[in-house]
Amino acid sequence: MVIKNVVFDLGGVIMDLNREQAVLRFEELGVADAGELIDPYEQNGIFLEIENGELTAEGFRHQLSKHAGRELTLDEIQYAWMGFVVDVPAYKLDYLLELRKRFDVYILSNTNPFIMDRWARTSKFTEAGRPLTEYCNKIYASFEIGVTKPDPYIFEYMLKDSGMKPEETLFIDDGLRNIEVASALKIQTYHAKNKEDWREAVDEQIMSYEL
């Protein structure tokens, strides 16, 4: 058995996260219970509804405006969502490019149109002006698939759509429950930590399957 595909989570793996900063920014918009709604792994309430595709960006803006008691703009909400993002280390993106010389590389993320369509898939994603799409074969985003991790369906959808075999696929995520569900589906896994430099560990795990 050898690894042919490497799948990365986005938040907490490729990009460094700061949940507290995001909560503070939403509180400043008037979302007093932001701390209860925002989670680093899976959101709650309307924050979950936008990540599983039940709400569009405009629908979320409308619902959040009612929740906050004042009319909010898409740009204000974008700024609050971006509070999650501390950094996208260039060395991690360079590593993805190196991996792509030998493997198929994918992103599987619980995310939303504000993070993905208004930032990650645009030239704003890196200082070099390169969108996330240039670092992987394909992005599997929860809001487009209609379900969030750790629901097994999102993994099954990705495997079927891409043609990947689970035993030939290594999945890197910072959420333990996501790792557990992937493992149950026979996907190889590595449990990363937020802000970790996991390159050596991932290399070692890939090599262990080649021995």
N, C-alpha and C. Protein backbone atom coordinates (compact mmCIF):
# COMPACT_ATOMS: atom_id res chain seq x y z
N MET A 1 0.84 -1.20 0.00
CA MET A 1 0.00 0.00 0.00
C MET A 1 0.87 1.25 0.00
N VAL A 2 0.55 2.19 -0.86
CA VAL A 2 1.28 3.47 -0.89
C VAL A 2 0.27 4.61 -0.88
N ILE A 3 0.73 5.76 -0.41
CA ILE A 3 -0.10 6.95 -0.41
C ILE A 3 -0.04 7.60 -1.79
N LYS A 4 -1.20 7.88 -2.36
CA LYS A 4 -1.27 8.54 -3.66
C LYS A 4 -1.96 9.90 -3.57
N ASN A 5 -2.69 10.12 -2.48
CA ASN A 5 -3.46 11.35 -2.31
C ASN A 5 -3.24 11.91 -0.91
N VAL A 6 -3.12 13.23 -0.81
CA VAL A 6 -2.98 13.88 0.49
C VAL A 6 -4.06 14.96 0.58
N VAL A 7 -4.87 14.87 1.64
CA VAL A 7 -6.00 15.78 1.82
C VAL A 7 -5.77 16.61 3.08
N PHE A 8 -5.89 17.92 2.93
CA PHE A 8 -5.67 18.83 4.06
C PHE A 8 -6.95 19.56 4.44
N ASP A 9 -7.17 19.69 5.74
CA ASP A 9 -8.12 20.66 6.25
C ASP A 9 -7.52 22.04 6.00
N LEU A 10 -8.35 23.08 5.99
CA LEU A 10 -7.84 24.44 5.78
C LEU A 10 -7.55 25.14 7.11
N GLY A 11 -8.59 25.45 7.86
CA GLY A 11 -8.39 26.15 9.12
C GLY A 11 -7.76 25.29 10.19
N GLY A 12 -6.68 25.77 10.79
CA GLY A 12 -5.99 25.03 11.82
C GLY A 12 -4.93 24.09 11.29
N VAL A 13 -4.86 23.97 9.96
CA VAL A 13 -3.84 23.13 9.33
C VAL A 13 -3.03 23.95 8.33
N ILE A 14 -3.68 24.40 7.26
CA ILE A 14 -3.01 25.27 6.28
C ILE A 14 -2.90 26.69 6.82
N MET A 15 -3.99 27.17 7.40
CA MET A 15 -3.94 28.52 7.98
C MET A 15 -4.08 28.44 9.50
N ASP A 16 -3.38 29.34 10.19
CA ASP A 16 -3.43 29.41 11.64
C ASP A 16 -4.70 30.15 12.06
N LEU A 17 -5.38 29.61 13.09
CA LEU A 17 -6.67 30.14 13.51
C LEU A 17 -6.60 30.90 14.83
N ASN A 18 -7.53 31.87 14.98
CA ASN A 18 -7.71 32.56 16.26
C ASN A 18 -9.22 32.73 16.47
N ARG A 19 -9.83 31.77 17.13
CA ARG A 19 -11.28 31.81 17.36
C ARG A 19 -11.67 33.04 18.17
N GLU A 20 -10.89 33.37 19.18
CA GLU A 20 -11.23 34.48 20.07
C GLU A 20 -11.32 35.80 19.31
N GLN A 21 -10.43 35.98 18.34
CA GLN A 21 -10.46 37.21 17.55
C GLN A 21 -11.73 37.28 16.71
N ALA A 22 -12.14 36.15 16.15
CA ALA A 22 -13.38 36.12 15.37
C ALA A 22 -14.58 36.40 16.26
N VAL A 23 -14.62 35.78 17.43
CA VAL A 23 -15.73 36.01 18.36
C VAL A 23 -15.82 37.50 18.72
N LEU A 24 -14.69 38.12 19.01
CA LEU A 24 -14.66 39.54 19.37
C LEU A 24 -15.21 40.41 18.24
N ARG A 25 -14.81 40.09 17.01
CA ARG A 25 -15.27 40.91 15.88
C ARG A 25 -16.77 40.77 15.66
N PHE A 26 -17.31 39.56 15.84
CA PHE A 26 -18.76 39.40 15.69
C PHE A 26 -19.50 40.06 16.85
N GLU A 27 -18.92 40.03 18.03
CA GLU A 27 -19.54 40.73 19.16
C GLU A 27 -19.59 42.23 18.88
N GLU A 28 -18.55 42.74 18.25
CA GLU A 28 -18.51 44.17 17.92
C GLU A 28 -19.60 44.54 16.91
N LEU A 29 -20.03 43.57 16.12
CA LEU A 29 -21.12 43.79 15.16
C LEU A 29 -22.49 43.75 15.84
N GLY A 30 -22.52 43.31 17.09
CA GLY A 30 -23.78 43.22 17.81
C GLY A 30 -24.25 41.80 18.05
N VAL A 31 -23.42 40.81 17.71
CA VAL A 31 -23.77 39.41 17.94
C VAL A 31 -23.30 39.04 19.35
N ALA A 32 -24.15 39.32 20.34
CA ALA A 32 -23.75 39.18 21.74
C ALA A 32 -23.40 37.74 22.12
N ASP A 33 -24.05 36.77 21.47
CA ASP A 33 -23.81 35.37 21.81
C ASP A 33 -22.84 34.69 20.83
N ALA A 34 -21.96 35.48 20.23
CA ALA A 34 -21.01 34.92 19.24
C ALA A 34 -20.18 33.80 19.84
N GLY A 35 -19.84 33.91 21.12
CA GLY A 35 -19.03 32.88 21.76
C GLY A 35 -19.71 31.53 21.81
N GLU A 36 -21.05 31.52 21.80
CA GLU A 36 -21.80 30.27 21.82
C GLU A 36 -22.00 29.72 20.41
N LEU A 37 -21.97 30.58 19.43
CA LEU A 37 -22.27 30.18 18.06
C LEU A 37 -21.03 29.75 17.26
N ILE A 38 -19.88 30.28 17.65
CA ILE A 38 -18.67 30.07 16.87
C ILE A 38 -17.79 29.00 17.50
N ASP A 39 -17.41 28.04 16.69
CA ASP A 39 -16.58 26.93 17.15
C ASP A 39 -15.45 26.73 16.14
N PRO A 40 -14.26 26.37 16.59
CA PRO A 40 -13.16 26.19 15.63
C PRO A 40 -13.33 24.99 14.71
N TYR A 41 -14.22 24.03 15.07
CA TYR A 41 -14.36 22.82 14.27
C TYR A 41 -15.70 22.73 13.54
N GLU A 42 -16.79 23.00 14.24
CA GLU A 42 -18.12 22.98 13.61
C GLU A 42 -18.98 24.03 14.28
N GLN A 43 -19.60 24.90 13.46
CA GLN A 43 -20.33 26.03 13.99
C GLN A 43 -21.70 25.63 14.52
N ASN A 44 -22.40 26.60 15.11
CA ASN A 44 -23.75 26.39 15.63
C ASN A 44 -24.71 27.42 15.05
N GLY A 45 -26.01 27.12 15.08
CA GLY A 45 -27.02 28.06 14.63
C GLY A 45 -26.85 28.47 13.18
N ILE A 46 -27.04 29.76 12.90
CA ILE A 46 -26.92 30.23 11.51
C ILE A 46 -25.48 30.13 11.01
N PHE A 47 -24.53 30.06 11.94
CA PHE A 47 -23.12 29.90 11.53
C PHE A 47 -22.90 28.50 10.96
N LEU A 48 -23.63 27.53 11.48
CA LEU A 48 -23.59 26.19 10.89
C LEU A 48 -24.36 26.16 9.58
N GLU A 49 -25.48 26.88 9.53
CA GLU A 49 -26.32 26.87 8.33
C GLU A 49 -25.60 27.42 7.11
N ILE A 50 -24.71 28.38 7.30
CA ILE A 50 -23.97 28.88 6.13
C ILE A 50 -22.87 27.90 5.74
N GLU A 51 -22.33 27.18 6.72
CA GLU A 51 -21.25 26.24 6.40
C GLU A 51 -21.77 24.93 5.82
N ASN A 52 -23.05 24.61 6.05
CA ASN A 52 -23.58 23.41 5.40
C ASN A 52 -24.46 23.74 4.19
N GLY A 53 -24.39 24.99 3.75
CA GLY A 53 -25.06 25.39 2.51
C GLY A 53 -26.52 25.73 2.63
N GLU A 54 -27.08 25.74 3.84
CA GLU A 54 -28.49 26.09 4.00
C GLU A 54 -28.72 27.58 3.77
N LEU A 55 -27.71 28.39 4.05
CA LEU A 55 -27.80 29.83 3.85
C LEU A 55 -26.73 30.28 2.85
N THR A 56 -27.10 31.19 1.96
CA THR A 56 -26.12 31.85 1.09
C THR A 56 -25.47 32.97 1.87
N ALA A 57 -24.48 33.62 1.28
CA ALA A 57 -23.84 34.76 1.93
C ALA A 57 -24.87 35.86 2.21
N GLU A 58 -25.73 36.12 1.25
CA GLU A 58 -26.76 37.15 1.43
C GLU A 58 -27.79 36.72 2.47
N GLY A 59 -28.14 35.44 2.45
CA GLY A 59 -29.08 34.92 3.44
C GLY A 59 -28.51 35.02 4.84
N PHE A 60 -27.23 34.73 4.97
CA PHE A 60 -26.56 34.84 6.27
C PHE A 60 -26.53 36.29 6.72
N ARG A 61 -26.24 37.20 5.79
CA ARG A 61 -26.21 38.63 6.12
C ARG A 61 -27.56 39.07 6.66
N HIS A 62 -28.63 38.61 6.00
CA HIS A 62 -29.99 38.99 6.42
C HIS A 62 -30.30 38.44 7.81
N GLN A 63 -29.99 37.17 8.03
CA GLN A 63 -30.29 36.55 9.33
C GLN A 63 -29.43 37.14 10.44
N LEU A 64 -28.15 37.39 10.14
CA LEU A 64 -27.26 37.94 11.17
C LEU A 64 -27.66 39.38 11.50
N SER A 65 -28.14 40.11 10.51
CA SER A 65 -28.61 41.48 10.76
C SER A 65 -29.78 41.47 11.74
N LYS A 66 -30.71 40.55 11.54
CA LYS A 66 -31.84 40.42 12.47
C LYS A 66 -31.35 40.03 13.86
N HIS A 67 -30.38 39.14 13.89
CA HIS A 67 -29.83 38.66 15.15
C HIS A 67 -29.11 39.79 15.91
N ALA A 68 -28.42 40.65 15.16
CA ALA A 68 -27.65 41.74 15.76
C ALA A 68 -28.50 42.97 16.05
N GLY A 69 -29.68 43.03 15.44
CA GLY A 69 -30.56 44.16 15.66
C GLY A 69 -30.22 45.38 14.85
N ARG A 70 -29.40 45.21 13.82
CA ARG A 70 -29.09 46.31 12.91
C ARG A 70 -28.65 45.76 11.56
N GLU A 71 -28.75 46.58 10.53
CA GLU A 71 -28.41 46.13 9.18
C GLU A 71 -26.89 46.04 9.04
N LEU A 72 -26.42 44.86 8.69
CA LEU A 72 -25.00 44.63 8.50
C LEU A 72 -24.67 44.51 7.02
N THR A 73 -23.47 44.90 6.64
CA THR A 73 -23.04 44.78 5.26
C THR A 73 -22.23 43.49 5.07
N LEU A 74 -22.13 43.07 3.83
CA LEU A 74 -21.31 41.89 3.53
C LEU A 74 -19.86 42.14 3.91
N ASP A 75 -19.38 43.37 3.72
CA ASP A 75 -17.99 43.67 4.06
C ASP A 75 -17.75 43.63 5.57
N GLU A 76 -18.71 44.08 6.36
CA GLU A 76 -18.58 44.01 7.82
C GLU A 76 -18.49 42.55 8.27
N ILE A 77 -19.34 41.73 7.67
CA ILE A 77 -19.36 40.31 8.04
C ILE A 77 -18.09 39.63 7.56
N GLN A 78 -17.63 40.01 6.38
CA GLN A 78 -16.37 39.47 5.87
C GLN A 78 -15.22 39.76 6.85
N TYR A 79 -15.17 40.99 7.33
CA TYR A 79 -14.12 41.38 8.28
C TYR A 79 -14.19 40.53 9.54
N ALA A 80 -15.40 40.26 10.01
CA ALA A 80 -15.56 39.46 11.22
C ALA A 80 -15.11 38.01 10.98
N TRP A 81 -15.52 37.42 9.87
CA TRP A 81 -15.09 36.06 9.55
C TRP A 81 -13.58 35.97 9.43
N MET A 82 -12.97 36.98 8.86
CA MET A 82 -11.52 36.97 8.67
C MET A 82 -10.77 37.09 9.99
N GLY A 83 -11.49 37.37 11.06
CA GLY A 83 -10.87 37.36 12.37
C GLY A 83 -10.31 35.99 12.73
N PHE A 84 -10.86 34.95 12.11
CA PHE A 84 -10.34 33.60 12.32
C PHE A 84 -8.90 33.46 11.83
N VAL A 85 -8.54 34.20 10.80
CA VAL A 85 -7.28 33.97 10.09
C VAL A 85 -6.13 34.76 10.73
N VAL A 86 -5.19 34.04 11.31
CA VAL A 86 -4.00 34.67 11.86
C VAL A 86 -2.92 34.78 10.80
N ASP A 87 -2.71 33.67 10.09
CA ASP A 87 -1.62 33.62 9.12
C ASP A 87 -1.84 32.43 8.20
N VAL A 88 -1.31 32.54 6.99
CA VAL A 88 -1.21 31.40 6.07
C VAL A 88 0.28 31.26 5.78
N PRO A 89 0.99 30.45 6.57
CA PRO A 89 2.44 30.37 6.42
C PRO A 89 2.86 29.96 5.02
N ALA A 90 3.76 30.72 4.44
CA ALA A 90 4.22 30.44 3.07
C ALA A 90 4.88 29.07 2.98
N TYR A 91 5.56 28.65 4.06
CA TYR A 91 6.26 27.37 3.99
C TYR A 91 5.29 26.20 3.82
N LYS A 92 4.07 26.36 4.35
CA LYS A 92 3.07 25.30 4.19
C LYS A 92 2.56 25.25 2.74
N LEU A 93 2.37 26.42 2.16
CA LEU A 93 1.93 26.45 0.76
C LEU A 93 3.02 25.92 -0.16
N ASP A 94 4.26 26.26 0.12
CA ASP A 94 5.38 25.73 -0.67
C ASP A 94 5.42 24.21 -0.56
N TYR A 95 5.14 23.71 0.62
CA TYR A 95 5.13 22.26 0.84
C TYR A 95 4.04 21.59 0.00
N LEU A 96 2.87 22.23 -0.07
CA LEU A 96 1.80 21.69 -0.91
C LEU A 96 2.23 21.59 -2.37
N LEU A 97 2.93 22.61 -2.83
CA LEU A 97 3.41 22.59 -4.22
C LEU A 97 4.40 21.46 -4.44
N GLU A 98 5.24 21.20 -3.45
CA GLU A 98 6.19 20.10 -3.55
C GLU A 98 5.46 18.76 -3.56
N LEU A 99 4.45 18.64 -2.71
CA LEU A 99 3.68 17.40 -2.68
C LEU A 99 3.00 17.12 -4.02
N ARG A 100 2.56 18.18 -4.67
CA ARG A 100 1.83 18.00 -5.94
C ARG A 100 2.70 17.42 -7.05
N LYS A 101 4.00 17.45 -6.86
CA LYS A 101 4.88 16.83 -7.85
C LYS A 101 4.80 15.30 -7.79
N ARG A 102 4.33 14.78 -6.64
CA ARG A 102 4.29 13.32 -6.46
C ARG A 102 2.90 12.78 -6.13
N PHE A 103 2.01 13.65 -5.65
CA PHE A 103 0.70 13.19 -5.20
C PHE A 103 -0.40 14.11 -5.70
N ASP A 104 -1.63 13.61 -5.64
CA ASP A 104 -2.78 14.47 -5.81
C ASP A 104 -3.08 15.10 -4.45
N VAL A 105 -3.29 16.42 -4.44
CA VAL A 105 -3.48 17.16 -3.19
C VAL A 105 -4.86 17.82 -3.20
N TYR A 106 -5.59 17.65 -2.10
CA TYR A 106 -6.94 18.19 -2.00
C TYR A 106 -7.11 18.97 -0.70
N ILE A 107 -8.13 19.83 -0.68
CA ILE A 107 -8.55 20.53 0.52
C ILE A 107 -9.96 20.06 0.85
N LEU A 108 -10.18 19.68 2.12
CA LEU A 108 -11.52 19.32 2.60
C LEU A 108 -11.79 20.17 3.83
N SER A 109 -12.73 21.11 3.71
CA SER A 109 -12.87 22.13 4.76
C SER A 109 -14.32 22.43 5.10
N ASN A 110 -14.58 22.56 6.40
CA ASN A 110 -15.82 23.18 6.85
C ASN A 110 -15.63 24.68 6.69
N THR A 111 -16.33 25.26 5.74
CA THR A 111 -16.08 26.67 5.42
C THR A 111 -17.32 27.30 4.82
N ASN A 112 -17.20 28.53 4.38
CA ASN A 112 -18.36 29.29 3.92
C ASN A 112 -17.94 30.24 2.79
N PRO A 113 -18.91 30.87 2.12
CA PRO A 113 -18.57 31.75 0.99
C PRO A 113 -17.70 32.94 1.37
N PHE A 114 -17.81 33.42 2.62
CA PHE A 114 -17.01 34.57 3.02
C PHE A 114 -15.52 34.21 3.05
N ILE A 115 -15.21 33.06 3.64
CA ILE A 115 -13.81 32.63 3.70
C ILE A 115 -13.34 32.13 2.35
N MET A 116 -14.15 31.33 1.68
CA MET A 116 -13.70 30.65 0.47
C MET A 116 -13.80 31.53 -0.79
N ASP A 117 -15.01 31.98 -1.09
CA ASP A 117 -15.22 32.68 -2.37
C ASP A 117 -14.73 34.12 -2.35
N ARG A 118 -14.79 34.78 -1.19
CA ARG A 118 -14.40 36.18 -1.11
C ARG A 118 -12.95 36.37 -0.67
N TRP A 119 -12.26 35.23 -0.41
CA TRP A 119 -10.86 35.34 0.02
C TRP A 119 -9.98 34.22 -0.52
N ALA A 120 -10.17 32.98 -0.04
CA ALA A 120 -9.24 31.89 -0.36
C ALA A 120 -9.13 31.59 -1.86
N ARG A 121 -10.23 31.73 -2.57
CA ARG A 121 -10.20 31.45 -4.01
C ARG A 121 -9.85 32.68 -4.84
N THR A 122 -9.38 33.73 -4.18
CA THR A 122 -9.01 34.96 -4.88
C THR A 122 -7.52 35.24 -4.72
N SER A 123 -7.05 36.27 -5.40
CA SER A 123 -5.63 36.65 -5.32
C SER A 123 -5.28 37.22 -3.94
N LYS A 124 -6.29 37.49 -3.10
CA LYS A 124 -6.03 38.02 -1.75
C LYS A 124 -5.48 36.95 -0.81
N PHE A 125 -5.55 35.70 -1.22
CA PHE A 125 -5.18 34.60 -0.34
C PHE A 125 -3.70 34.63 0.05
N THR A 126 -2.83 35.02 -0.87
CA THR A 126 -1.40 35.08 -0.57
C THR A 126 -0.83 36.43 -1.00
N GLU A 127 0.29 36.76 -0.40
CA GLU A 127 0.98 37.99 -0.79
C GLU A 127 1.44 37.91 -2.23
N ALA A 128 1.67 36.70 -2.71
CA ALA A 128 2.09 36.51 -4.09
C ALA A 128 0.93 36.62 -5.08
N GLY A 129 -0.28 36.78 -4.55
CA GLY A 129 -1.44 36.93 -5.42
C GLY A 129 -1.95 35.61 -6.00
N ARG A 130 -1.62 34.50 -5.33
CA ARG A 130 -2.03 33.19 -5.81
C ARG A 130 -3.19 32.65 -4.97
N PRO A 131 -4.29 32.27 -5.59
CA PRO A 131 -5.41 31.71 -4.84
C PRO A 131 -5.12 30.29 -4.37
N LEU A 132 -5.91 29.83 -3.43
CA LEU A 132 -5.76 28.48 -2.89
C LEU A 132 -5.87 27.42 -3.98
N THR A 133 -6.66 27.71 -5.01
CA THR A 133 -6.87 26.74 -6.09
C THR A 133 -5.57 26.36 -6.80
N GLU A 134 -4.54 27.19 -6.69
CA GLU A 134 -3.28 26.89 -7.36
C GLU A 134 -2.41 25.92 -6.56
N TYR A 135 -2.84 25.60 -5.35
CA TYR A 135 -2.04 24.74 -4.49
C TYR A 135 -2.62 23.34 -4.32
N CYS A 136 -3.72 23.05 -5.02
CA CYS A 136 -4.35 21.74 -4.86
C CYS A 136 -5.08 21.34 -6.14
N ASN A 137 -5.41 20.06 -6.22
CA ASN A 137 -6.16 19.56 -7.36
C ASN A 137 -7.61 20.03 -7.32
N LYS A 138 -8.18 20.03 -6.11
CA LYS A 138 -9.58 20.43 -5.97
C LYS A 138 -9.87 20.78 -4.52
N ILE A 139 -10.83 21.69 -4.33
CA ILE A 139 -11.29 22.06 -2.99
C ILE A 139 -12.67 21.46 -2.76
N TYR A 140 -12.80 20.73 -1.66
CA TYR A 140 -14.11 20.23 -1.24
C TYR A 140 -14.56 21.07 -0.06
N ALA A 141 -15.53 21.95 -0.31
CA ALA A 141 -16.01 22.91 0.69
C ALA A 141 -17.38 22.47 1.21
N SER A 142 -17.54 22.49 2.51
CA SER A 142 -18.77 21.99 3.12
C SER A 142 -20.02 22.70 2.60
N PHE A 143 -19.94 24.01 2.40
CA PHE A 143 -21.14 24.75 2.00
C PHE A 143 -21.57 24.40 0.58
N GLU A 144 -20.68 23.86 -0.21
CA GLU A 144 -21.02 23.44 -1.57
C GLU A 144 -21.50 21.99 -1.61
N ILE A 145 -21.01 21.17 -0.69
CA ILE A 145 -21.42 19.77 -0.64
C ILE A 145 -22.73 19.62 0.11
N GLY A 146 -22.98 20.52 1.06
CA GLY A 146 -24.25 20.50 1.79
C GLY A 146 -24.18 19.81 3.13
N VAL A 147 -22.98 19.54 3.62
CA VAL A 147 -22.83 18.90 4.93
C VAL A 147 -21.43 19.22 5.45
N THR A 148 -21.28 19.22 6.77
CA THR A 148 -19.99 19.54 7.38
C THR A 148 -19.37 18.29 8.00
N LYS A 149 -18.04 18.32 8.11
CA LYS A 149 -17.36 17.32 8.93
C LYS A 149 -17.83 17.50 10.38
N PRO A 150 -18.01 16.45 11.14
CA PRO A 150 -17.53 15.08 10.92
C PRO A 150 -18.54 14.13 10.28
N ASP A 151 -19.59 14.62 9.64
CA ASP A 151 -20.54 13.73 8.98
C ASP A 151 -19.81 12.86 7.96
N PRO A 152 -19.96 11.54 8.02
CA PRO A 152 -19.25 10.66 7.09
C PRO A 152 -19.54 10.96 5.62
N TYR A 153 -20.71 11.54 5.34
CA TYR A 153 -21.10 11.77 3.95
C TYR A 153 -20.10 12.66 3.22
N ILE A 154 -19.54 13.66 3.91
CA ILE A 154 -18.64 14.58 3.23
C ILE A 154 -17.36 13.87 2.78
N PHE A 155 -16.92 12.90 3.59
CA PHE A 155 -15.76 12.10 3.20
C PHE A 155 -16.11 11.15 2.05
N GLU A 156 -17.28 10.52 2.16
CA GLU A 156 -17.72 9.60 1.12
C GLU A 156 -17.92 10.33 -0.21
N TYR A 157 -18.46 11.54 -0.14
CA TYR A 157 -18.64 12.34 -1.35
C TYR A 157 -17.30 12.63 -2.00
N MET A 158 -16.33 13.06 -1.20
CA MET A 158 -15.00 13.39 -1.72
C MET A 158 -14.35 12.17 -2.37
N LEU A 159 -14.42 11.02 -1.71
CA LEU A 159 -13.81 9.80 -2.24
C LEU A 159 -14.45 9.41 -3.58
N LYS A 160 -15.77 9.47 -3.64
CA LYS A 160 -16.47 9.08 -4.87
C LYS A 160 -16.19 10.07 -6.00
N ASP A 161 -16.24 11.37 -5.67
CA ASP A 161 -16.06 12.39 -6.70
C ASP A 161 -14.66 12.37 -7.28
N SER A 162 -13.67 12.15 -6.44
CA SER A 162 -12.27 12.20 -6.87
C SER A 162 -11.75 10.87 -7.40
N GLY A 163 -12.42 9.78 -6.99
CA GLY A 163 -11.93 8.46 -7.38
C GLY A 163 -10.83 7.95 -6.47
N MET A 164 -10.59 8.64 -5.36
CA MET A 164 -9.56 8.22 -4.42
C MET A 164 -9.96 6.93 -3.71
N LYS A 165 -8.98 6.09 -3.43
CA LYS A 165 -9.18 4.94 -2.57
C LYS A 165 -8.79 5.34 -1.15
N PRO A 166 -9.63 5.04 -0.15
CA PRO A 166 -9.33 5.52 1.21
C PRO A 166 -7.98 5.06 1.74
N GLU A 167 -7.60 3.81 1.45
CA GLU A 167 -6.34 3.29 1.99
C GLU A 167 -5.13 3.93 1.32
N GLU A 168 -5.33 4.61 0.20
CA GLU A 168 -4.24 5.30 -0.50
C GLU A 168 -4.25 6.80 -0.23
N THR A 169 -5.07 7.21 0.75
CA THR A 169 -5.28 8.63 1.01
C THR A 169 -4.89 8.99 2.43
N LEU A 170 -4.09 10.04 2.59
CA LEU A 170 -3.71 10.56 3.90
C LEU A 170 -4.47 11.86 4.14
N PHE A 171 -5.15 11.94 5.28
CA PHE A 171 -5.98 13.10 5.64
C PHE A 171 -5.40 13.77 6.86
N ILE A 172 -5.16 15.09 6.76
CA ILE A 172 -4.59 15.87 7.86
C ILE A 172 -5.62 16.86 8.35
N ASP A 173 -5.98 16.79 9.63
CA ASP A 173 -7.01 17.66 10.19
C ASP A 173 -6.67 17.94 11.66
N ASP A 174 -7.14 19.09 12.17
CA ASP A 174 -6.89 19.42 13.57
C ASP A 174 -8.04 19.02 14.48
N GLY A 175 -9.14 18.54 13.91
CA GLY A 175 -10.30 18.12 14.70
C GLY A 175 -10.27 16.62 14.97
N LEU A 176 -10.22 16.24 16.23
CA LEU A 176 -10.10 14.82 16.58
C LEU A 176 -11.29 14.01 16.06
N ARG A 177 -12.49 14.55 16.18
CA ARG A 177 -13.67 13.82 15.70
C ARG A 177 -13.61 13.59 14.19
N ASN A 178 -13.10 14.57 13.46
CA ASN A 178 -12.95 14.41 12.01
C ASN A 178 -11.96 13.29 11.69
N ILE A 179 -10.89 13.24 12.46
CA ILE A 179 -9.88 12.19 12.29
C ILE A 179 -10.49 10.82 12.56
N GLU A 180 -11.28 10.74 13.62
CA GLU A 180 -11.90 9.46 13.99
C GLU A 180 -12.85 8.95 12.90
N VAL A 181 -13.64 9.84 12.34
CA VAL A 181 -14.59 9.44 11.29
C VAL A 181 -13.84 9.02 10.03
N ALA A 182 -12.81 9.77 9.66
CA ALA A 182 -12.01 9.41 8.48
C ALA A 182 -11.36 8.05 8.67
N SER A 183 -10.83 7.81 9.86
CA SER A 183 -10.18 6.52 10.15
C SER A 183 -11.16 5.37 10.04
N ALA A 184 -12.39 5.60 10.49
CA ALA A 184 -13.42 4.56 10.41
C ALA A 184 -13.75 4.21 8.96
N LEU A 185 -13.49 5.14 8.06
CA LEU A 185 -13.71 4.90 6.63
C LEU A 185 -12.46 4.36 5.94
N LYS A 186 -11.45 3.97 6.75
CA LYS A 186 -10.20 3.36 6.26
C LYS A 186 -9.25 4.36 5.61
N ILE A 187 -9.52 5.67 5.82
CA ILE A 187 -8.60 6.71 5.35
C ILE A 187 -7.44 6.81 6.34
N GLN A 188 -6.23 6.95 5.83
CA GLN A 188 -5.06 7.16 6.71
C GLN A 188 -5.13 8.60 7.24
N THR A 189 -4.69 8.81 8.47
CA THR A 189 -4.88 10.13 9.07
C THR A 189 -3.65 10.63 9.83
N TYR A 190 -3.59 11.95 9.96
CA TYR A 190 -2.64 12.59 10.86
C TYR A 190 -3.37 13.72 11.59
N HIS A 191 -3.34 13.69 12.92
CA HIS A 191 -4.02 14.70 13.73
C HIS A 191 -3.08 15.86 13.99
N ALA A 192 -3.30 16.97 13.30
CA ALA A 192 -2.45 18.16 13.42
C ALA A 192 -2.94 19.06 14.54
N LYS A 193 -2.09 19.96 14.97
CA LYS A 193 -2.46 20.98 15.95
C LYS A 193 -2.37 22.35 15.29
N ASN A 194 -3.24 23.26 15.73
CA ASN A 194 -3.23 24.61 15.19
C ASN A 194 -1.84 25.24 15.34
N LYS A 195 -1.33 25.83 14.29
CA LYS A 195 -0.02 26.49 14.22
C LYS A 195 1.16 25.51 14.20
N GLU A 196 0.88 24.22 14.11
CA GLU A 196 1.96 23.23 14.07
C GLU A 196 2.66 23.21 12.71
N ASP A 197 3.95 23.02 12.72
CA ASP A 197 4.70 22.73 11.49
C ASP A 197 4.71 21.20 11.36
N TRP A 198 3.77 20.68 10.59
CA TRP A 198 3.56 19.24 10.49
C TRP A 198 4.29 18.62 9.30
N ARG A 199 5.12 19.36 8.61
CA ARG A 199 5.74 18.85 7.37
C ARG A 199 6.54 17.57 7.60
N GLU A 200 7.39 17.56 8.62
CA GLU A 200 8.23 16.39 8.86
C GLU A 200 7.39 15.18 9.25
N ALA A 201 6.38 15.41 10.08
CA ALA A 201 5.51 14.31 10.51
C ALA A 201 4.75 13.72 9.33
N VAL A 202 4.28 14.57 8.44
CA VAL A 202 3.55 14.10 7.26
C VAL A 202 4.49 13.32 6.33
N ASP A 203 5.69 13.85 6.15
CA ASP A 203 6.68 13.14 5.33
C ASP A 203 6.96 11.74 5.89
N GLU A 204 7.13 11.68 7.21
CA GLU A 204 7.42 10.40 7.85
C GLU A 204 6.27 9.42 7.69
N GLN A 205 5.05 9.94 7.80
CA GLN A 205 3.89 9.05 7.67
C GLN A 205 3.76 8.54 6.24
N ILE A 206 4.00 9.41 5.27
CA ILE A 206 3.95 8.97 3.87
C ILE A 206 5.01 7.91 3.61
N MET A 207 6.21 8.14 4.12
CA MET A 207 7.30 7.19 3.91
C MET A 207 7.04 5.85 4.57
N SER A 208 6.35 5.88 5.71
CA SER A 208 6.08 4.62 6.43
C SER A 208 5.23 3.66 5.61
N TYR A 209 4.42 4.22 4.71
CA TYR A 209 3.57 3.37 3.87
C TYR A 209 4.32 2.87 2.64
N GLU A 210 5.48 3.46 2.39
CA GLU A 210 6.25 3.07 1.22
C GLU A 210 7.27 1.96 1.54
N LEU A 211 7.44 1.68 2.84
CA LEU A 211 8.42 0.67 3.25
C LEU A 211 7.88 -0.73 3.05
